[in-house]
Amino acid sequence: MASTESNTPPTASDPQSIKDEYYLSLALAEARQGYIAEGGIPIGAVLVAADGTILGRGHNRRAQQGSAILHAEMDALERAGRLPGSRYKGATMYSTLSPCDMCTGACLLYGIGRVVMGENRTFKGGEDYMRQRGVEVINHDNSECYALMKEFIEKHPEMWNEDIGI
């Protein structure tokens, strides 16, 4: 069985919970990169194919790029590049935060059938809509994801409100 350490990838025979913890740790590393190293919003995402291949990794780069739409999930999709639609079937989007309506729509558009989030206490996005559309949605309620986001919102409310359209 693989370790949940971020430097030890899971194997195909590992339980799904081990795989989820591993890929969520990669999303958290993306969030830290965006916030601590780049001064942006601490949300990270990793898009993983059904076979465990990482298709794309990203973090919220709205502030860094002056973008209106470059949320973490969108960045992961962008970095995955052009792929045939079949590549998204059975994929999982790992995100440190509940996906907003825009990112929910992107997951639905590409047929991403599973979304694993780090937390939804600081923001609850389109989870119910994804479930209604048949997407498996899992909330890990990860304390590190929560603490990072809570700290950011308290220190930068104006940037956070802009990110969520307030």
N, C-alpha and C. Protein backbone atom coordinates (compact mmCIF):
# COMPACT_ATOMS: atom_id res chain seq x y z
N MET A 1 0.84 -1.18 0.00
CA MET A 1 0.00 0.00 0.00
C MET A 1 0.89 1.24 0.00
N ALA A 2 0.51 2.19 -0.80
CA ALA A 2 1.28 3.43 -0.90
C ALA A 2 1.06 4.30 0.33
N SER A 3 2.05 5.07 0.62
CA SER A 3 1.94 6.05 1.69
C SER A 3 1.12 7.23 1.19
N THR A 4 0.53 7.98 2.11
CA THR A 4 -0.19 9.18 1.71
C THR A 4 0.77 10.36 1.60
N GLU A 5 2.05 10.14 1.80
CA GLU A 5 3.03 11.21 1.64
C GLU A 5 2.97 11.69 0.19
N SER A 6 3.13 12.97 -0.01
CA SER A 6 2.98 13.53 -1.34
C SER A 6 4.06 13.06 -2.31
N ASN A 7 5.15 12.46 -1.81
CA ASN A 7 6.19 12.01 -2.72
C ASN A 7 6.06 10.54 -3.10
N THR A 8 5.03 9.85 -2.63
CA THR A 8 4.84 8.44 -2.93
C THR A 8 3.51 8.25 -3.65
N PRO A 9 3.54 8.14 -4.98
CA PRO A 9 2.28 7.97 -5.70
C PRO A 9 1.57 6.67 -5.33
N PRO A 10 0.27 6.67 -5.33
CA PRO A 10 -0.48 5.45 -5.01
C PRO A 10 -0.36 4.45 -6.16
N THR A 11 -0.62 3.20 -5.85
CA THR A 11 -0.64 2.16 -6.87
C THR A 11 -2.08 1.88 -7.25
N ALA A 12 -2.27 1.18 -8.35
CA ALA A 12 -3.62 0.85 -8.80
C ALA A 12 -4.37 0.01 -7.77
N SER A 13 -3.65 -0.78 -6.99
CA SER A 13 -4.31 -1.64 -6.01
C SER A 13 -4.62 -0.95 -4.68
N ASP A 14 -4.15 0.27 -4.49
CA ASP A 14 -4.43 0.99 -3.25
C ASP A 14 -5.92 1.33 -3.16
N PRO A 15 -6.44 1.39 -1.94
CA PRO A 15 -7.85 1.80 -1.79
C PRO A 15 -8.05 3.24 -2.29
N GLN A 16 -9.26 3.53 -2.71
CA GLN A 16 -9.57 4.86 -3.24
C GLN A 16 -9.25 5.95 -2.23
N SER A 17 -9.44 5.68 -0.94
CA SER A 17 -9.17 6.70 0.07
C SER A 17 -7.69 7.11 0.07
N ILE A 18 -6.79 6.18 -0.16
CA ILE A 18 -5.36 6.48 -0.22
C ILE A 18 -5.08 7.34 -1.46
N LYS A 19 -5.68 6.97 -2.58
CA LYS A 19 -5.50 7.75 -3.81
C LYS A 19 -6.03 9.17 -3.61
N ASP A 20 -7.20 9.29 -3.00
CA ASP A 20 -7.79 10.61 -2.78
C ASP A 20 -6.90 11.48 -1.90
N GLU A 21 -6.37 10.91 -0.83
CA GLU A 21 -5.49 11.67 0.05
C GLU A 21 -4.24 12.14 -0.70
N TYR A 22 -3.68 11.28 -1.51
CA TYR A 22 -2.48 11.63 -2.26
C TYR A 22 -2.74 12.79 -3.22
N TYR A 23 -3.76 12.64 -4.07
CA TYR A 23 -4.02 13.69 -5.06
C TYR A 23 -4.50 14.99 -4.42
N LEU A 24 -5.21 14.88 -3.31
CA LEU A 24 -5.61 16.09 -2.59
C LEU A 24 -4.38 16.79 -2.01
N SER A 25 -3.38 16.01 -1.59
CA SER A 25 -2.13 16.63 -1.10
C SER A 25 -1.42 17.38 -2.22
N LEU A 26 -1.52 16.90 -3.44
CA LEU A 26 -0.93 17.61 -4.58
C LEU A 26 -1.69 18.91 -4.84
N ALA A 27 -3.02 18.86 -4.72
CA ALA A 27 -3.82 20.07 -4.88
C ALA A 27 -3.47 21.09 -3.79
N LEU A 28 -3.25 20.62 -2.58
CA LEU A 28 -2.87 21.51 -1.48
C LEU A 28 -1.50 22.13 -1.74
N ALA A 29 -0.59 21.37 -2.31
CA ALA A 29 0.72 21.93 -2.68
C ALA A 29 0.56 23.02 -3.73
N GLU A 30 -0.36 22.83 -4.66
CA GLU A 30 -0.65 23.87 -5.67
C GLU A 30 -1.21 25.12 -4.99
N ALA A 31 -2.11 24.92 -4.02
CA ALA A 31 -2.70 26.07 -3.31
C ALA A 31 -1.63 26.86 -2.58
N ARG A 32 -0.73 26.15 -1.93
CA ARG A 32 0.36 26.83 -1.22
C ARG A 32 1.25 27.59 -2.19
N GLN A 33 1.54 26.99 -3.33
CA GLN A 33 2.36 27.65 -4.36
C GLN A 33 1.71 28.97 -4.78
N GLY A 34 0.41 28.92 -5.03
CA GLY A 34 -0.29 30.12 -5.46
C GLY A 34 -0.34 31.21 -4.41
N TYR A 35 -0.44 30.81 -3.15
CA TYR A 35 -0.59 31.78 -2.06
C TYR A 35 0.76 32.22 -1.50
N ILE A 36 1.52 31.29 -1.03
CA ILE A 36 2.76 31.61 -0.32
C ILE A 36 3.84 32.09 -1.28
N ALA A 37 4.02 31.40 -2.39
CA ALA A 37 5.10 31.75 -3.32
C ALA A 37 4.73 32.87 -4.28
N GLU A 38 3.43 32.95 -4.64
CA GLU A 38 3.04 33.90 -5.69
C GLU A 38 2.12 35.01 -5.22
N GLY A 39 1.62 34.94 -4.00
CA GLY A 39 0.76 35.99 -3.48
C GLY A 39 -0.66 35.99 -3.99
N GLY A 40 -1.11 34.85 -4.50
CA GLY A 40 -2.46 34.74 -5.03
C GLY A 40 -3.43 34.11 -4.05
N ILE A 41 -4.50 33.57 -4.58
CA ILE A 41 -5.56 32.97 -3.79
C ILE A 41 -5.25 31.48 -3.60
N PRO A 42 -5.29 30.98 -2.37
CA PRO A 42 -4.81 29.62 -2.07
C PRO A 42 -5.80 28.50 -2.38
N ILE A 43 -6.03 28.30 -3.65
CA ILE A 43 -6.88 27.19 -4.08
C ILE A 43 -6.10 26.43 -5.13
N GLY A 44 -6.02 25.12 -4.97
CA GLY A 44 -5.29 24.27 -5.91
C GLY A 44 -6.18 23.17 -6.43
N ALA A 45 -5.82 22.63 -7.60
CA ALA A 45 -6.60 21.55 -8.21
C ALA A 45 -5.69 20.62 -8.99
N VAL A 46 -6.11 19.37 -9.06
CA VAL A 46 -5.41 18.36 -9.84
C VAL A 46 -6.47 17.53 -10.55
N LEU A 47 -6.32 17.38 -11.86
CA LEU A 47 -7.23 16.57 -12.66
C LEU A 47 -6.55 15.23 -12.94
N VAL A 48 -7.20 14.14 -12.54
CA VAL A 48 -6.60 12.81 -12.63
C VAL A 48 -7.51 11.90 -13.46
N ALA A 49 -6.92 11.25 -14.47
CA ALA A 49 -7.66 10.31 -15.31
C ALA A 49 -8.00 9.05 -14.51
N ALA A 50 -8.92 8.28 -15.03
CA ALA A 50 -9.35 7.05 -14.35
C ALA A 50 -8.19 6.09 -14.10
N ASP A 51 -7.19 6.12 -14.96
CA ASP A 51 -6.04 5.21 -14.80
C ASP A 51 -4.98 5.76 -13.83
N GLY A 52 -5.24 6.92 -13.23
CA GLY A 52 -4.31 7.51 -12.27
C GLY A 52 -3.32 8.49 -12.86
N THR A 53 -3.38 8.70 -14.16
CA THR A 53 -2.50 9.66 -14.82
C THR A 53 -2.94 11.08 -14.46
N ILE A 54 -1.99 11.90 -14.05
CA ILE A 54 -2.31 13.30 -13.79
C ILE A 54 -2.39 14.01 -15.13
N LEU A 55 -3.56 14.52 -15.44
CA LEU A 55 -3.78 15.23 -16.71
C LEU A 55 -3.38 16.69 -16.61
N GLY A 56 -3.64 17.30 -15.45
CA GLY A 56 -3.31 18.71 -15.27
C GLY A 56 -3.32 19.09 -13.81
N ARG A 57 -2.46 20.00 -13.47
CA ARG A 57 -2.39 20.56 -12.11
C ARG A 57 -2.48 22.06 -12.25
N GLY A 58 -3.09 22.71 -11.26
CA GLY A 58 -3.16 24.17 -11.33
C GLY A 58 -3.53 24.78 -10.01
N HIS A 59 -3.45 26.10 -9.98
CA HIS A 59 -3.89 26.85 -8.81
C HIS A 59 -4.52 28.15 -9.30
N ASN A 60 -5.27 28.76 -8.42
CA ASN A 60 -5.93 30.01 -8.76
C ASN A 60 -4.85 31.03 -9.11
N ARG A 61 -4.90 31.53 -10.34
CA ARG A 61 -3.90 32.50 -10.81
C ARG A 61 -4.55 33.78 -11.30
N ARG A 62 -5.74 34.09 -10.79
CA ARG A 62 -6.42 35.31 -11.20
C ARG A 62 -5.58 36.54 -10.93
N ALA A 63 -5.07 36.65 -9.70
CA ALA A 63 -4.30 37.83 -9.32
C ALA A 63 -2.98 37.89 -10.10
N GLN A 64 -2.30 36.77 -10.20
CA GLN A 64 -0.99 36.72 -10.85
C GLN A 64 -1.09 37.04 -12.34
N GLN A 65 -2.17 36.58 -12.99
CA GLN A 65 -2.31 36.73 -14.43
C GLN A 65 -3.26 37.86 -14.83
N GLY A 66 -3.88 38.51 -13.86
CA GLY A 66 -4.86 39.55 -14.19
C GLY A 66 -6.05 38.97 -14.93
N SER A 67 -6.43 37.76 -14.56
CA SER A 67 -7.49 37.03 -15.25
C SER A 67 -8.80 37.08 -14.47
N ALA A 68 -9.88 37.13 -15.18
CA ALA A 68 -11.20 37.09 -14.53
C ALA A 68 -11.65 35.66 -14.27
N ILE A 69 -11.05 34.67 -14.93
CA ILE A 69 -11.59 33.31 -14.86
C ILE A 69 -10.59 32.22 -14.48
N LEU A 70 -9.37 32.54 -14.19
CA LEU A 70 -8.35 31.50 -13.98
C LEU A 70 -8.37 30.95 -12.55
N HIS A 71 -9.49 30.30 -12.22
CA HIS A 71 -9.61 29.58 -10.96
C HIS A 71 -8.76 28.32 -11.04
N ALA A 72 -8.54 27.65 -9.92
CA ALA A 72 -7.67 26.48 -9.87
C ALA A 72 -8.12 25.36 -10.81
N GLU A 73 -9.42 25.07 -10.80
CA GLU A 73 -9.92 23.99 -11.65
C GLU A 73 -9.76 24.35 -13.13
N MET A 74 -10.00 25.60 -13.46
CA MET A 74 -9.83 26.06 -14.85
C MET A 74 -8.36 25.99 -15.25
N ASP A 75 -7.47 26.32 -14.32
CA ASP A 75 -6.03 26.26 -14.58
C ASP A 75 -5.60 24.81 -14.81
N ALA A 76 -6.11 23.89 -14.00
CA ALA A 76 -5.78 22.47 -14.19
C ALA A 76 -6.26 21.99 -15.56
N LEU A 77 -7.47 22.39 -15.95
CA LEU A 77 -7.99 22.02 -17.27
C LEU A 77 -7.14 22.64 -18.38
N GLU A 78 -6.79 23.90 -18.22
CA GLU A 78 -5.97 24.60 -19.21
C GLU A 78 -4.62 23.92 -19.37
N ARG A 79 -4.02 23.56 -18.25
CA ARG A 79 -2.70 22.93 -18.29
C ARG A 79 -2.76 21.50 -18.80
N ALA A 80 -3.93 20.88 -18.75
CA ALA A 80 -4.10 19.54 -19.33
C ALA A 80 -3.99 19.61 -20.85
N GLY A 81 -4.30 20.78 -21.40
CA GLY A 81 -4.23 20.94 -22.85
C GLY A 81 -5.44 20.33 -23.54
N ARG A 82 -5.39 20.35 -24.84
CA ARG A 82 -6.48 19.80 -25.64
C ARG A 82 -6.42 18.28 -25.56
N LEU A 83 -7.53 17.71 -25.13
CA LEU A 83 -7.63 16.25 -25.00
C LEU A 83 -8.93 15.78 -25.63
N PRO A 84 -8.96 14.56 -26.11
CA PRO A 84 -10.25 14.04 -26.58
C PRO A 84 -11.22 13.94 -25.42
N GLY A 85 -12.49 14.14 -25.69
CA GLY A 85 -13.50 14.11 -24.64
C GLY A 85 -13.49 12.82 -23.85
N SER A 86 -13.14 11.73 -24.49
CA SER A 86 -13.12 10.44 -23.80
C SER A 86 -12.10 10.41 -22.66
N ARG A 87 -11.08 11.25 -22.73
CA ARG A 87 -10.04 11.27 -21.69
C ARG A 87 -10.58 11.79 -20.36
N TYR A 88 -11.63 12.61 -20.41
CA TYR A 88 -12.21 13.17 -19.19
C TYR A 88 -13.19 12.21 -18.52
N LYS A 89 -13.70 11.25 -19.28
CA LYS A 89 -14.68 10.31 -18.72
C LYS A 89 -13.99 9.47 -17.65
N GLY A 90 -14.61 9.40 -16.50
CA GLY A 90 -14.02 8.65 -15.39
C GLY A 90 -12.94 9.40 -14.63
N ALA A 91 -12.66 10.64 -15.05
CA ALA A 91 -11.63 11.44 -14.37
C ALA A 91 -12.17 12.00 -13.06
N THR A 92 -11.24 12.39 -12.21
CA THR A 92 -11.58 13.03 -10.93
C THR A 92 -10.89 14.39 -10.87
N MET A 93 -11.64 15.39 -10.47
CA MET A 93 -11.08 16.71 -10.21
C MET A 93 -10.90 16.83 -8.70
N TYR A 94 -9.66 17.01 -8.27
CA TYR A 94 -9.36 17.24 -6.86
C TYR A 94 -9.16 18.74 -6.69
N SER A 95 -9.86 19.33 -5.73
CA SER A 95 -9.76 20.75 -5.48
C SER A 95 -9.72 20.99 -3.98
N THR A 96 -8.94 21.95 -3.56
CA THR A 96 -8.85 22.24 -2.13
C THR A 96 -10.12 22.91 -1.59
N LEU A 97 -10.96 23.42 -2.49
CA LEU A 97 -12.17 24.13 -2.09
C LEU A 97 -13.33 23.70 -2.98
N SER A 98 -14.52 23.77 -2.45
CA SER A 98 -15.72 23.47 -3.22
C SER A 98 -15.73 24.30 -4.51
N PRO A 99 -15.88 23.67 -5.68
CA PRO A 99 -15.86 24.42 -6.94
C PRO A 99 -17.01 25.42 -7.07
N CYS A 100 -16.69 26.61 -7.55
CA CYS A 100 -17.70 27.63 -7.79
C CYS A 100 -18.59 27.21 -8.96
N ASP A 101 -19.58 28.01 -9.28
CA ASP A 101 -20.49 27.69 -10.37
C ASP A 101 -19.76 27.57 -11.71
N MET A 102 -18.80 28.44 -11.96
CA MET A 102 -18.05 28.40 -13.22
C MET A 102 -17.27 27.09 -13.34
N CYS A 103 -16.58 26.72 -12.27
CA CYS A 103 -15.77 25.50 -12.29
C CYS A 103 -16.65 24.26 -12.27
N THR A 104 -17.78 24.34 -11.59
CA THR A 104 -18.77 23.27 -11.64
C THR A 104 -19.21 23.05 -13.08
N GLY A 105 -19.50 24.14 -13.77
CA GLY A 105 -19.92 24.05 -15.17
C GLY A 105 -18.86 23.42 -16.05
N ALA A 106 -17.60 23.76 -15.81
CA ALA A 106 -16.51 23.18 -16.60
C ALA A 106 -16.41 21.67 -16.35
N CYS A 107 -16.55 21.27 -15.10
CA CYS A 107 -16.51 19.83 -14.79
C CYS A 107 -17.65 19.10 -15.49
N LEU A 108 -18.84 19.70 -15.47
CA LEU A 108 -19.98 19.10 -16.15
C LEU A 108 -19.79 19.08 -17.66
N LEU A 109 -19.30 20.16 -18.21
CA LEU A 109 -19.09 20.25 -19.66
C LEU A 109 -18.18 19.14 -20.16
N TYR A 110 -17.12 18.86 -19.42
CA TYR A 110 -16.15 17.85 -19.85
C TYR A 110 -16.49 16.45 -19.34
N GLY A 111 -17.58 16.30 -18.65
CA GLY A 111 -18.01 14.97 -18.21
C GLY A 111 -17.15 14.38 -17.11
N ILE A 112 -16.55 15.24 -16.30
CA ILE A 112 -15.74 14.76 -15.17
C ILE A 112 -16.72 14.19 -14.14
N GLY A 113 -16.62 12.91 -13.88
CA GLY A 113 -17.64 12.21 -13.10
C GLY A 113 -17.44 12.20 -11.60
N ARG A 114 -16.32 12.75 -11.15
CA ARG A 114 -16.04 12.69 -9.71
C ARG A 114 -15.28 13.94 -9.31
N VAL A 115 -15.71 14.56 -8.21
CA VAL A 115 -15.04 15.74 -7.68
C VAL A 115 -14.77 15.50 -6.20
N VAL A 116 -13.50 15.63 -5.82
CA VAL A 116 -13.09 15.48 -4.43
C VAL A 116 -12.57 16.83 -3.97
N MET A 117 -13.19 17.36 -2.92
CA MET A 117 -12.80 18.69 -2.43
C MET A 117 -12.18 18.60 -1.05
N GLY A 118 -11.31 19.55 -0.78
CA GLY A 118 -10.66 19.61 0.52
C GLY A 118 -11.58 20.10 1.61
N GLU A 119 -12.41 21.08 1.28
CA GLU A 119 -13.34 21.63 2.28
C GLU A 119 -14.39 22.49 1.62
N ASN A 120 -15.49 22.69 2.35
CA ASN A 120 -16.55 23.59 1.88
C ASN A 120 -17.10 24.46 3.00
N ARG A 121 -16.33 24.61 4.07
CA ARG A 121 -16.79 25.46 5.18
C ARG A 121 -16.61 26.94 4.86
N THR A 122 -15.56 27.29 4.13
CA THR A 122 -15.33 28.70 3.81
C THR A 122 -16.09 29.14 2.56
N PHE A 123 -16.50 28.17 1.74
CA PHE A 123 -17.26 28.48 0.52
C PHE A 123 -17.92 27.21 0.03
N LYS A 124 -19.21 27.29 -0.27
CA LYS A 124 -19.91 26.15 -0.83
C LYS A 124 -20.35 26.52 -2.24
N GLY A 125 -19.82 25.79 -3.19
CA GLY A 125 -20.12 26.06 -4.59
C GLY A 125 -21.26 25.20 -5.12
N GLY A 126 -21.06 24.66 -6.31
CA GLY A 126 -22.11 23.94 -7.03
C GLY A 126 -22.22 22.47 -6.72
N GLU A 127 -21.94 22.09 -5.50
CA GLU A 127 -21.96 20.67 -5.12
C GLU A 127 -23.32 20.01 -5.37
N ASP A 128 -24.38 20.65 -4.94
CA ASP A 128 -25.71 20.05 -5.10
C ASP A 128 -26.06 19.88 -6.57
N TYR A 129 -25.72 20.87 -7.38
CA TYR A 129 -26.00 20.78 -8.81
C TYR A 129 -25.21 19.64 -9.45
N MET A 130 -23.94 19.50 -9.06
CA MET A 130 -23.16 18.39 -9.61
C MET A 130 -23.78 17.05 -9.24
N ARG A 131 -24.21 16.92 -8.00
CA ARG A 131 -24.84 15.66 -7.57
C ARG A 131 -26.11 15.40 -8.37
N GLN A 132 -26.91 16.45 -8.59
CA GLN A 132 -28.13 16.30 -9.38
C GLN A 132 -27.82 15.82 -10.79
N ARG A 133 -26.66 16.19 -11.28
CA ARG A 133 -26.25 15.81 -12.64
C ARG A 133 -25.46 14.50 -12.68
N GLY A 134 -25.40 13.80 -11.54
CA GLY A 134 -24.79 12.49 -11.51
C GLY A 134 -23.31 12.43 -11.17
N VAL A 135 -22.75 13.55 -10.76
CA VAL A 135 -21.34 13.59 -10.39
C VAL A 135 -21.20 13.12 -8.94
N GLU A 136 -20.23 12.26 -8.70
CA GLU A 136 -19.91 11.86 -7.33
C GLU A 136 -19.11 12.99 -6.69
N VAL A 137 -19.60 13.54 -5.60
CA VAL A 137 -18.95 14.66 -4.93
C VAL A 137 -18.58 14.23 -3.51
N ILE A 138 -17.29 14.39 -3.19
CA ILE A 138 -16.80 13.96 -1.88
C ILE A 138 -16.10 15.14 -1.22
N ASN A 139 -16.47 15.40 0.03
CA ASN A 139 -15.84 16.46 0.82
C ASN A 139 -14.97 15.82 1.89
N HIS A 140 -13.68 16.08 1.84
CA HIS A 140 -12.77 15.53 2.84
C HIS A 140 -12.70 16.36 4.11
N ASP A 141 -13.25 17.57 4.09
CA ASP A 141 -13.20 18.47 5.24
C ASP A 141 -11.80 18.48 5.86
N ASN A 142 -10.83 18.74 5.01
CA ASN A 142 -9.41 18.73 5.38
C ASN A 142 -9.06 19.98 6.18
N SER A 143 -8.48 19.79 7.35
CA SER A 143 -8.19 20.91 8.24
C SER A 143 -7.13 21.86 7.65
N GLU A 144 -6.18 21.34 6.89
CA GLU A 144 -5.16 22.20 6.28
C GLU A 144 -5.77 23.07 5.19
N CYS A 145 -6.63 22.49 4.38
CA CYS A 145 -7.30 23.27 3.34
C CYS A 145 -8.14 24.38 3.98
N TYR A 146 -8.86 24.02 5.04
CA TYR A 146 -9.70 24.99 5.73
C TYR A 146 -8.87 26.12 6.34
N ALA A 147 -7.81 25.76 7.04
CA ALA A 147 -6.98 26.78 7.72
C ALA A 147 -6.35 27.74 6.72
N LEU A 148 -5.87 27.22 5.61
CA LEU A 148 -5.24 28.06 4.60
C LEU A 148 -6.25 29.05 4.01
N MET A 149 -7.43 28.54 3.68
CA MET A 149 -8.46 29.40 3.08
C MET A 149 -8.99 30.42 4.09
N LYS A 150 -9.21 29.98 5.32
CA LYS A 150 -9.70 30.88 6.37
C LYS A 150 -8.71 32.03 6.60
N GLU A 151 -7.44 31.70 6.68
CA GLU A 151 -6.41 32.72 6.86
C GLU A 151 -6.43 33.73 5.70
N PHE A 152 -6.52 33.21 4.49
CA PHE A 152 -6.54 34.09 3.33
C PHE A 152 -7.75 35.02 3.36
N ILE A 153 -8.92 34.48 3.60
CA ILE A 153 -10.15 35.29 3.61
C ILE A 153 -10.06 36.39 4.67
N GLU A 154 -9.53 36.06 5.84
CA GLU A 154 -9.39 37.05 6.90
C GLU A 154 -8.39 38.14 6.55
N LYS A 155 -7.30 37.79 5.88
CA LYS A 155 -6.26 38.76 5.54
C LYS A 155 -6.55 39.54 4.26
N HIS A 156 -7.31 38.95 3.34
CA HIS A 156 -7.53 39.57 2.03
C HIS A 156 -9.01 39.49 1.61
N PRO A 157 -9.92 40.04 2.40
CA PRO A 157 -11.34 39.92 2.06
C PRO A 157 -11.69 40.54 0.71
N GLU A 158 -11.01 41.64 0.35
CA GLU A 158 -11.33 42.29 -0.93
C GLU A 158 -10.95 41.40 -2.11
N MET A 159 -9.82 40.72 -2.03
CA MET A 159 -9.41 39.83 -3.12
C MET A 159 -10.33 38.61 -3.19
N TRP A 160 -10.72 38.09 -2.04
CA TRP A 160 -11.62 36.94 -2.01
C TRP A 160 -12.98 37.31 -2.57
N ASN A 161 -13.54 38.45 -2.17
CA ASN A 161 -14.85 38.86 -2.68
C ASN A 161 -14.82 39.05 -4.19
N GLU A 162 -13.73 39.58 -4.70
CA GLU A 162 -13.60 39.72 -6.15
C GLU A 162 -13.58 38.34 -6.82
N ASP A 163 -12.91 37.39 -6.21
CA ASP A 163 -12.79 36.05 -6.79
C ASP A 163 -14.14 35.36 -6.90
N ILE A 164 -15.02 35.60 -5.91
CA ILE A 164 -16.32 34.93 -5.94
C ILE A 164 -17.43 35.84 -6.47
N GLY A 165 -17.05 36.98 -7.02
CA GLY A 165 -18.01 37.84 -7.70
C GLY A 165 -18.86 38.72 -6.81
N ILE A 166 -18.33 39.08 -5.65
CA ILE A 166 -19.09 39.97 -4.74
C ILE A 166 -18.56 41.39 -4.88
